[in-house]
All heavy atoms as atom14 arrays in JSON, in Angstrom:
{
  "sequence": "LFGEFSINDVEKYAFVQGVSFRPSDRLTINFLFRRYAGGYISF",
  "atom14_mask": [
    [1, 1, 1, 1, 1, 1, 1, 1, 0, 0, 0, 0, 0, 0],
    [1, 1, 1, 1, 1, 1, 1, 1, 1, 1, 1, 0, 0, 0],
    [1, 1, 1, 1, 0, 0, 0, 0, 0, 0, 0, 0, 0, 0],
    [1, 1, 1, 1, 1, 1, 1, 1, 1, 0, 0, 0, 0, 0],
    [1, 1, 1, 1, 1, 1, 1, 1, 1, 1, 1, 0, 0, 0],
    [1, 1, 1, 1, 1, 1, 0, 0, 0, 0, 0, 0, 0, 0],
    [1, 1, 1, 1, 1, 1, 1, 1, 0, 0, 0, 0, 0, 0],
    [1, 1, 1, 1, 1, 1, 1, 1, 0, 0, 0, 0, 0, 0],
    [1, 1, 1, 1, 1, 1, 1, 1, 0, 0, 0, 0, 0, 0],
    [1, 1, 1, 1, 1, 1, 1, 0, 0, 0, 0, 0, 0, 0],
    [1, 1, 1, 1, 1, 1, 1, 1, 1, 0, 0, 0, 0, 0],
    [1, 1, 1, 1, 1, 1, 1, 1, 1, 0, 0, 0, 0, 0],
    [1, 1, 1, 1, 1, 1, 1, 1, 1, 1, 1, 1, 0, 0],
    [1, 1, 1, 1, 1, 0, 0, 0, 0, 0, 0, 0, 0, 0],
    [1, 1, 1, 1, 1, 1, 1, 1, 1, 1, 1, 0, 0, 0],
    [1, 1, 1, 1, 1, 1, 1, 0, 0, 0, 0, 0, 0, 0],
    [1, 1, 1, 1, 1, 1, 1, 1, 1, 0, 0, 0, 0, 0],
    [1, 1, 1, 1, 0, 0, 0, 0, 0, 0, 0, 0, 0, 0],
    [1, 1, 1, 1, 1, 1, 1, 0, 0, 0, 0, 0, 0, 0],
    [1, 1, 1, 1, 1, 1, 0, 0, 0, 0, 0, 0, 0, 0],
    [1, 1, 1, 1, 1, 1, 1, 1, 1, 1, 1, 0, 0, 0],
    [1, 1, 1, 1, 1, 1, 1, 1, 1, 1, 1, 0, 0, 0],
    [1, 1, 1, 1, 1, 1, 1, 0, 0, 0, 0, 0, 0, 0],
    [1, 1, 1, 1, 1, 1, 0, 0, 0, 0, 0, 0, 0, 0],
    [1, 1, 1, 1, 1, 1, 1, 1, 0, 0, 0, 0, 0, 0],
    [1, 1, 1, 1, 1, 1, 1, 1, 1, 1, 1, 0, 0, 0],
    [1, 1, 1, 1, 1, 1, 1, 1, 0, 0, 0, 0, 0, 0],
    [1, 1, 1, 1, 1, 1, 1, 0, 0, 0, 0, 0, 0, 0],
    [1, 1, 1, 1, 1, 1, 1, 1, 0, 0, 0, 0, 0, 0],
    [1, 1, 1, 1, 1, 1, 1, 1, 0, 0, 0, 0, 0, 0],
    [1, 1, 1, 1, 1, 1, 1, 1, 1, 1, 1, 0, 0, 0],
    [1, 1, 1, 1, 1, 1, 1, 1, 0, 0, 0, 0, 0, 0],
    [1, 1, 1, 1, 1, 1, 1, 1, 1, 1, 1, 0, 0, 0],
    [1, 1, 1, 1, 1, 1, 1, 1, 1, 1, 1, 0, 0, 0],
    [1, 1, 1, 1, 1, 1, 1, 1, 1, 1, 1, 0, 0, 0],
    [1, 1, 1, 1, 1, 1, 1, 1, 1, 1, 1, 1, 0, 0],
    [1, 1, 1, 1, 1, 0, 0, 0, 0, 0, 0, 0, 0, 0],
    [1, 1, 1, 1, 0, 0, 0, 0, 0, 0, 0, 0, 0, 0],
    [1, 1, 1, 1, 0, 0, 0, 0, 0, 0, 0, 0, 0, 0],
    [1, 1, 1, 1, 1, 1, 1, 1, 1, 1, 1, 1, 0, 0],
    [1, 1, 1, 1, 1, 1, 1, 1, 0, 0, 0, 0, 0, 0],
    [1, 1, 1, 1, 1, 1, 0, 0, 0, 0, 0, 0, 0, 0],
    [1, 1, 1, 1, 1, 1, 1, 1, 1, 1, 1, 0, 0, 0]
  ],
  "atom14_positions": [
    [[21.1, -28.14, 34.22], [20.43, -27.71, 32.92], [18.96, -27.31, 33.37], [18.37, -28.04, 34.15], [20.4, -28.98, 31.98], [21.72, -29.53, 31.68], [21.4, -30.86, 30.97], [22.41, -28.66, 30.73], [0.0, 0.0, 0.0], [0.0, 0.0, 0.0], [0.0, 0.0, 0.0], [0.0, 0.0, 0.0], [0.0, 0.0, 0.0], [0.0, 0.0, 0.0]],
    [[18.39, -26.27, 32.75], [17.14, -25.79, 33.07], [16.51, -25.15, 31.81], [17.19, -24.69, 30.89], [17.13, -24.8, 34.19], [17.95, -23.56, 34.04], [17.4, -22.49, 33.52], [19.3, -23.62, 34.23], [18.19, -21.31, 33.29], [20.04, -22.53, 34.2], [19.55, -21.33, 33.65], [0.0, 0.0, 0.0], [0.0, 0.0, 0.0], [0.0, 0.0, 0.0]],
    [[15.21, -25.15, 31.82], [14.44, -24.64, 30.66], [13.0, -24.57, 30.91], [12.39, -25.11, 31.82], [0.0, 0.0, 0.0], [0.0, 0.0, 0.0], [0.0, 0.0, 0.0], [0.0, 0.0, 0.0], [0.0, 0.0, 0.0], [0.0, 0.0, 0.0], [0.0, 0.0, 0.0], [0.0, 0.0, 0.0], [0.0, 0.0, 0.0], [0.0, 0.0, 0.0]],
    [[12.39, -23.81, 30.0], [10.9, -23.58, 30.05], [10.5, -23.24, 28.66], [11.04, -22.55, 27.94], [10.66, -22.44, 31.02], [9.11, -22.14, 31.05], [8.98, -21.0, 32.13], [9.24, -21.19, 33.16], [8.46, -19.98, 31.61], [0.0, 0.0, 0.0], [0.0, 0.0, 0.0], [0.0, 0.0, 0.0], [0.0, 0.0, 0.0], [0.0, 0.0, 0.0]],
    [[9.35, -23.84, 28.3], [8.62, -23.56, 27.07], [7.25, -23.23, 27.42], [6.6, -23.99, 28.08], [8.65, -24.79, 26.07], [7.96, -24.48, 24.84], [8.58, -23.74, 23.84], [6.64, -24.9, 24.64], [7.8, -23.38, 22.63], [5.97, -24.7, 23.53], [6.49, -23.82, 22.5], [0.0, 0.0, 0.0], [0.0, 0.0, 0.0], [0.0, 0.0, 0.0]],
    [[6.72, -22.15, 26.95], [5.32, -21.56, 27.26], [4.76, -21.08, 26.0], [5.28, -20.51, 25.06], [5.55, -20.44, 28.26], [4.24, -19.99, 28.64], [0.0, 0.0, 0.0], [0.0, 0.0, 0.0], [0.0, 0.0, 0.0], [0.0, 0.0, 0.0], [0.0, 0.0, 0.0], [0.0, 0.0, 0.0], [0.0, 0.0, 0.0], [0.0, 0.0, 0.0]],
    [[3.4, -21.38, 25.91], [2.68, -20.93, 24.78], [1.32, -20.31, 25.2], [0.76, -20.9, 26.25], [2.47, -22.12, 23.83], [1.76, -21.7, 22.47], [1.62, -23.21, 24.34], [1.85, -22.68, 21.32], [0.0, 0.0, 0.0], [0.0, 0.0, 0.0], [0.0, 0.0, 0.0], [0.0, 0.0, 0.0], [0.0, 0.0, 0.0], [0.0, 0.0, 0.0]],
    [[0.84, -19.3, 24.52], [-0.45, -18.74, 24.98], [-1.61, -19.18, 24.03], [-1.28, -19.99, 23.05], [-0.44, -17.28, 25.07], [-0.09, -16.45, 23.94], [-0.09, -17.02, 22.75], [0.22, -15.23, 23.95], [0.0, 0.0, 0.0], [0.0, 0.0, 0.0], [0.0, 0.0, 0.0], [0.0, 0.0, 0.0], [0.0, 0.0, 0.0], [0.0, 0.0, 0.0]],
    [[-2.79, -18.75, 24.26], [-3.96, -19.24, 23.42], [-3.99, -18.71, 22.01], [-4.8, -19.09, 21.23], [-5.24, -19.05, 24.19], [-5.5, -17.63, 24.68], [-4.67, -16.77, 24.48], [-6.46, -17.45, 25.28], [0.0, 0.0, 0.0], [0.0, 0.0, 0.0], [0.0, 0.0, 0.0], [0.0, 0.0, 0.0], [0.0, 0.0, 0.0], [0.0, 0.0, 0.0]],
    [[-3.13, -17.79, 21.69], [-3.03, -17.29, 20.34], [-1.72, -17.87, 19.68], [-1.36, -17.34, 18.63], [-3.13, -15.7, 20.16], [-4.5, -15.23, 20.58], [-2.05, -15.14, 21.02], [0.0, 0.0, 0.0], [0.0, 0.0, 0.0], [0.0, 0.0, 0.0], [0.0, 0.0, 0.0], [0.0, 0.0, 0.0], [0.0, 0.0, 0.0], [0.0, 0.0, 0.0]],
    [[-1.22, -18.92, 20.28], [-0.19, -19.64, 19.72], [1.16, -18.81, 19.56], [1.94, -19.02, 18.61], [-0.42, -20.34, 18.45], [-1.56, -21.35, 18.61], [-1.9, -22.17, 17.48], [-1.3, -22.05, 16.51], [-2.9, -22.88, 17.46], [0.0, 0.0, 0.0], [0.0, 0.0, 0.0], [0.0, 0.0, 0.0], [0.0, 0.0, 0.0], [0.0, 0.0, 0.0]],
    [[1.42, -18.0, 20.47], [2.81, -17.31, 20.6], [3.54, -17.83, 21.75], [2.85, -18.43, 22.75], [2.45, -15.75, 20.89], [1.6, -15.02, 19.76], [2.33, -15.09, 18.38], [1.44, -14.42, 17.36], [2.11, -14.33, 16.09], [0.0, 0.0, 0.0], [0.0, 0.0, 0.0], [0.0, 0.0, 0.0], [0.0, 0.0, 0.0], [0.0, 0.0, 0.0]],
    [[4.78, -17.93, 21.67], [5.54, -18.74, 22.62], [6.62, -17.96, 23.29], [7.19, -16.97, 22.73], [6.05, -19.95, 21.88], [7.04, -19.72, 20.88], [8.5, -19.66, 21.23], [6.74, -19.38, 19.57], [9.34, -19.3, 20.35], [7.7, -19.13, 18.67], [8.92, -18.99, 18.94], [9.92, -18.66, 17.92], [0.0, 0.0, 0.0], [0.0, 0.0, 0.0]],
    [[7.14, -18.53, 24.33], [8.48, -18.07, 24.99], [9.27, -19.38, 25.36], [8.74, -20.38, 25.57], [8.01, -17.43, 26.31], [0.0, 0.0, 0.0], [0.0, 0.0, 0.0], [0.0, 0.0, 0.0], [0.0, 0.0, 0.0], [0.0, 0.0, 0.0], [0.0, 0.0, 0.0], [0.0, 0.0, 0.0], [0.0, 0.0, 0.0], [0.0, 0.0, 0.0]],
    [[10.48, -19.26, 25.03], [11.44, -20.31, 25.07], [12.7, -19.88, 25.8], [13.38, -18.97, 25.44], [11.75, -20.81, 23.73], [12.6, -21.95, 23.6], [12.14, -23.28, 23.93], [13.95, -21.85, 23.11], [12.92, -24.45, 23.79], [14.79, -23.03, 23.01], [14.3, -24.23, 23.27], [0.0, 0.0, 0.0], [0.0, 0.0, 0.0], [0.0, 0.0, 0.0]],
    [[13.09, -20.53, 26.96], [14.22, -20.16, 27.85], [15.0, -21.49, 28.05], [14.29, -22.49, 28.44], [13.8, -19.5, 29.14], [15.09, -19.23, 29.9], [13.02, -18.26, 28.89], [0.0, 0.0, 0.0], [0.0, 0.0, 0.0], [0.0, 0.0, 0.0], [0.0, 0.0, 0.0], [0.0, 0.0, 0.0], [0.0, 0.0, 0.0], [0.0, 0.0, 0.0]],
    [[16.21, -21.46, 27.79], [17.07, -22.62, 28.04], [18.4, -22.08, 28.69], [18.93, -21.05, 28.33], [17.49, -23.36, 26.75], [16.3, -24.02, 26.03], [15.59, -25.08, 27.01], [16.25, -26.09, 27.37], [14.4, -24.92, 27.29], [0.0, 0.0, 0.0], [0.0, 0.0, 0.0], [0.0, 0.0, 0.0], [0.0, 0.0, 0.0], [0.0, 0.0, 0.0]],
    [[18.77, -22.82, 29.64], [20.1, -22.39, 30.3], [20.93, -23.56, 30.83], [20.41, -24.73, 31.1], [0.0, 0.0, 0.0], [0.0, 0.0, 0.0], [0.0, 0.0, 0.0], [0.0, 0.0, 0.0], [0.0, 0.0, 0.0], [0.0, 0.0, 0.0], [0.0, 0.0, 0.0], [0.0, 0.0, 0.0], [0.0, 0.0, 0.0], [0.0, 0.0, 0.0]],
    [[22.22, -23.23, 31.08], [23.23, -24.24, 31.56], [23.98, -23.46, 32.53], [24.53, -22.3, 32.35], [24.04, -24.71, 30.42], [25.21, -25.6, 31.04], [23.31, -25.42, 29.42], [0.0, 0.0, 0.0], [0.0, 0.0, 0.0], [0.0, 0.0, 0.0], [0.0, 0.0, 0.0], [0.0, 0.0, 0.0], [0.0, 0.0, 0.0], [0.0, 0.0, 0.0]],
    [[24.16, -24.01, 33.74], [25.14, -23.4, 34.76], [26.09, -24.56, 35.02], [25.81, -25.59, 35.53], [24.31, -23.04, 36.01], [25.17, -22.46, 36.9], [0.0, 0.0, 0.0], [0.0, 0.0, 0.0], [0.0, 0.0, 0.0], [0.0, 0.0, 0.0], [0.0, 0.0, 0.0], [0.0, 0.0, 0.0], [0.0, 0.0, 0.0], [0.0, 0.0, 0.0]],
    [[27.4, -24.2, 34.76], [28.59, -25.09, 34.91], [29.49, -24.68, 36.02], [29.83, -23.55, 36.07], [29.26, -25.26, 33.55], [30.48, -26.18, 33.64], [30.28, -27.47, 34.06], [31.74, -25.66, 33.27], [31.5, -28.22, 34.16], [32.8, -26.46, 33.34], [32.72, -27.71, 33.79], [0.0, 0.0, 0.0], [0.0, 0.0, 0.0], [0.0, 0.0, 0.0]],
    [[29.77, -25.48, 36.96], [30.74, -25.11, 38.08], [31.84, -25.94, 38.02], [31.87, -27.01, 38.84], [29.79, -25.26, 39.38], [30.51, -24.55, 40.52], [29.6, -24.53, 41.72], [30.38, -23.92, 42.73], [29.79, -23.42, 43.92], [28.54, -23.59, 44.11], [30.55, -22.84, 44.73], [0.0, 0.0, 0.0], [0.0, 0.0, 0.0], [0.0, 0.0, 0.0]],
    [[32.89, -25.56, 37.36], [34.1, -26.33, 37.23], [34.93, -26.44, 38.62], [35.61, -27.38, 38.76], [34.87, -25.85, 36.19], [34.38, -24.46, 35.96], [32.96, -24.41, 36.5], [0.0, 0.0, 0.0], [0.0, 0.0, 0.0], [0.0, 0.0, 0.0], [0.0, 0.0, 0.0], [0.0, 0.0, 0.0], [0.0, 0.0, 0.0], [0.0, 0.0, 0.0]],
    [[34.76, -25.37, 39.4], [35.43, -25.38, 40.73], [34.56, -24.68, 41.73], [33.53, -24.1, 41.28], [36.85, -24.72, 40.56], [36.53, -23.29, 40.41], [0.0, 0.0, 0.0], [0.0, 0.0, 0.0], [0.0, 0.0, 0.0], [0.0, 0.0, 0.0], [0.0, 0.0, 0.0], [0.0, 0.0, 0.0], [0.0, 0.0, 0.0], [0.0, 0.0, 0.0]],
    [[34.97, -24.66, 42.97], [34.14, -24.03, 43.99], [34.08, -22.56, 43.87], [33.15, -21.89, 44.3], [34.53, -24.48, 45.41], [34.34, -25.89, 45.66], [33.43, -26.41, 44.96], [35.1, -26.42, 46.51], [0.0, 0.0, 0.0], [0.0, 0.0, 0.0], [0.0, 0.0, 0.0], [0.0, 0.0, 0.0], [0.0, 0.0, 0.0], [0.0, 0.0, 0.0]],
    [[35.0, -21.96, 43.11], [35.03, -20.5, 43.01], [34.78, -19.92, 41.69], [34.84, -18.77, 41.45], [36.46, -19.88, 43.46], [36.7, -20.31, 44.84], [37.94, -19.72, 45.55], [38.97, -19.45, 44.55], [40.07, -18.77, 44.81], [40.29, -18.34, 46.11], [41.06, -18.56, 44.06], [0.0, 0.0, 0.0], [0.0, 0.0, 0.0], [0.0, 0.0, 0.0]],
    [[34.27, -20.81, 40.81], [34.0, -20.51, 39.4], [32.7, -20.99, 38.95], [32.54, -22.25, 39.11], [35.15, -20.83, 38.52], [34.91, -20.55, 36.98], [34.84, -19.02, 36.67], [36.07, -21.16, 36.13], [0.0, 0.0, 0.0], [0.0, 0.0, 0.0], [0.0, 0.0, 0.0], [0.0, 0.0, 0.0], [0.0, 0.0, 0.0], [0.0, 0.0, 0.0]],
    [[31.83, -20.28, 38.47], [30.62, -20.79, 37.82], [30.47, -20.13, 36.52], [30.56, -18.89, 36.39], [29.4, -20.37, 38.74], [29.59, -20.95, 40.02], [28.07, -20.96, 38.09], [0.0, 0.0, 0.0], [0.0, 0.0, 0.0], [0.0, 0.0, 0.0], [0.0, 0.0, 0.0], [0.0, 0.0, 0.0], [0.0, 0.0, 0.0], [0.0, 0.0, 0.0]],
    [[30.08, -20.89, 35.51], [29.87, -20.38, 34.08], [28.54, -20.57, 33.78], [28.04, -21.69, 33.87], [30.82, -21.07, 33.14], [32.33, -20.86, 33.54], [30.67, -20.58, 31.66], [33.28, -21.69, 32.78], [0.0, 0.0, 0.0], [0.0, 0.0, 0.0], [0.0, 0.0, 0.0], [0.0, 0.0, 0.0], [0.0, 0.0, 0.0], [0.0, 0.0, 0.0]],
    [[27.78, -19.49, 33.24], [26.3, -19.53, 33.1], [26.12, -19.32, 31.49], [26.81, -18.27, 31.1], [25.62, -18.61, 33.79], [25.62, -18.91, 35.34], [25.4, -20.11, 35.7], [26.06, -18.0, 36.12], [0.0, 0.0, 0.0], [0.0, 0.0, 0.0], [0.0, 0.0, 0.0], [0.0, 0.0, 0.0], [0.0, 0.0, 0.0], [0.0, 0.0, 0.0]],
    [[25.16, -19.93, 30.82], [24.76, -19.53, 29.6], [23.18, -19.64, 29.62], [22.6, -20.46, 30.21], [25.17, -20.73, 28.5], [26.66, -20.75, 28.41], [27.31, -21.83, 29.09], [27.31, -19.95, 27.56], [28.74, -21.85, 28.83], [28.69, -20.07, 27.31], [29.4, -20.99, 27.94], [0.0, 0.0, 0.0], [0.0, 0.0, 0.0], [0.0, 0.0, 0.0]],
    [[22.7, -18.6, 28.86], [21.15, -18.52, 28.93], [20.69, -18.09, 27.51], [21.3, -17.21, 26.88], [20.72, -17.42, 29.81], [19.21, -17.24, 30.0], [18.65, -18.51, 30.56], [18.94, -16.03, 30.66], [0.0, 0.0, 0.0], [0.0, 0.0, 0.0], [0.0, 0.0, 0.0], [0.0, 0.0, 0.0], [0.0, 0.0, 0.0], [0.0, 0.0, 0.0]],
    [[19.8, -18.76, 26.97], [19.18, -18.48, 25.63], [17.75, -18.2, 25.85], [17.07, -19.06, 26.56], [19.38, -19.7, 24.71], [18.63, -19.5, 23.44], [19.16, -18.65, 22.42], [17.44, -20.07, 23.12], [18.46, -18.42, 21.18], [16.75, -19.84, 21.91], [17.3, -19.0, 20.96], [0.0, 0.0, 0.0], [0.0, 0.0, 0.0], [0.0, 0.0, 0.0]],
    [[17.23, -17.22, 25.35], [15.83, -16.91, 25.41], [15.19, -16.49, 24.05], [15.9, -15.73, 23.29], [15.44, -16.0, 26.63], [15.88, -14.61, 26.26], [15.38, -13.61, 27.26], [15.61, -12.16, 26.87], [14.94, -11.36, 26.1], [13.93, -11.83, 25.57], [15.4, -10.18, 25.97], [0.0, 0.0, 0.0], [0.0, 0.0, 0.0], [0.0, 0.0, 0.0]],
    [[13.99, -16.74, 23.76], [13.3, -16.38, 22.59], [11.87, -16.11, 22.96], [11.19, -16.93, 23.48], [13.4, -17.42, 21.47], [12.49, -17.24, 20.41], [13.11, -16.03, 19.49], [12.41, -16.03, 18.11], [11.63, -15.01, 17.9], [11.55, -13.96, 18.64], [11.05, -14.99, 16.69], [0.0, 0.0, 0.0], [0.0, 0.0, 0.0], [0.0, 0.0, 0.0]],
    [[11.41, -14.94, 22.77], [9.93, -14.55, 23.0], [9.32, -14.07, 21.74], [9.81, -13.14, 21.09], [9.84, -13.33, 24.01], [10.27, -13.74, 25.45], [11.54, -13.58, 25.93], [9.38, -14.34, 26.34], [11.97, -13.89, 27.2], [9.76, -14.61, 27.6], [11.03, -14.34, 27.97], [11.35, -14.69, 29.26], [0.0, 0.0, 0.0], [0.0, 0.0, 0.0]],
    [[8.35, -14.8, 21.25], [7.8, -14.37, 19.96], [6.94, -13.19, 20.31], [6.41, -12.81, 21.32], [6.75, -15.48, 19.64], [0.0, 0.0, 0.0], [0.0, 0.0, 0.0], [0.0, 0.0, 0.0], [0.0, 0.0, 0.0], [0.0, 0.0, 0.0], [0.0, 0.0, 0.0], [0.0, 0.0, 0.0], [0.0, 0.0, 0.0], [0.0, 0.0, 0.0]],
    [[6.9, -12.37, 19.12], [6.01, -11.12, 19.27], [4.63, -11.54, 19.49], [4.08, -12.38, 18.84], [0.0, 0.0, 0.0], [0.0, 0.0, 0.0], [0.0, 0.0, 0.0], [0.0, 0.0, 0.0], [0.0, 0.0, 0.0], [0.0, 0.0, 0.0], [0.0, 0.0, 0.0], [0.0, 0.0, 0.0], [0.0, 0.0, 0.0], [0.0, 0.0, 0.0]],
    [[4.02, -10.82, 20.39], [2.59, -11.22, 20.76], [2.49, -12.09, 21.98], [1.35, -12.28, 22.39], [0.0, 0.0, 0.0], [0.0, 0.0, 0.0], [0.0, 0.0, 0.0], [0.0, 0.0, 0.0], [0.0, 0.0, 0.0], [0.0, 0.0, 0.0], [0.0, 0.0, 0.0], [0.0, 0.0, 0.0], [0.0, 0.0, 0.0], [0.0, 0.0, 0.0]],
    [[3.56, -12.63, 22.5], [3.56, -13.44, 23.62], [3.33, -12.51, 24.9], [4.05, -11.5, 25.11], [4.72, -14.14, 23.92], [4.84, -15.0, 25.22], [4.14, -16.24, 25.19], [5.45, -14.53, 26.24], [4.16, -16.88, 26.38], [5.43, -15.26, 27.44], [4.74, -16.48, 27.44], [4.81, -17.13, 28.73], [0.0, 0.0, 0.0], [0.0, 0.0, 0.0]],
    [[2.27, -12.75, 25.54], [1.91, -11.97, 26.76], [1.76, -12.82, 27.97], [1.18, -13.92, 27.85], [0.62, -11.08, 26.68], [0.74, -10.28, 25.37], [0.28, -10.4, 27.81], [1.57, -9.09, 25.48], [0.0, 0.0, 0.0], [0.0, 0.0, 0.0], [0.0, 0.0, 0.0], [0.0, 0.0, 0.0], [0.0, 0.0, 0.0], [0.0, 0.0, 0.0]],
    [[2.32, -12.44, 29.14], [2.15, -13.22, 30.43], [1.87, -12.17, 31.47], [2.78, -11.4, 31.84], [3.37, -14.04, 30.69], [3.28, -14.54, 32.02], [0.0, 0.0, 0.0], [0.0, 0.0, 0.0], [0.0, 0.0, 0.0], [0.0, 0.0, 0.0], [0.0, 0.0, 0.0], [0.0, 0.0, 0.0], [0.0, 0.0, 0.0], [0.0, 0.0, 0.0]],
    [[0.67, -12.19, 32.0], [0.33, -11.24, 33.16], [0.61, -11.85, 34.48], [1.15, -11.22, 35.45], [-1.07, -10.85, 33.11], [-1.5, -9.96, 31.84], [-2.37, -10.55, 30.79], [-1.06, -8.79, 31.81], [-2.61, -9.84, 29.77], [-1.36, -7.99, 30.62], [-2.12, -8.54, 29.67], [0.0, 0.0, 0.0], [0.0, 0.0, 0.0], [0.0, 0.0, 0.0]]
  ]
}
């Protein structure tokens, strides 16, 4: 399980969440959700 929440000084945010599931040695299943608010800037 992994994720990140980031906010800038004008209160715009970025949100990333993910799951990586490995039921066997030859199979990995990944899910990723992301949401970037309009106006979020990262240089």
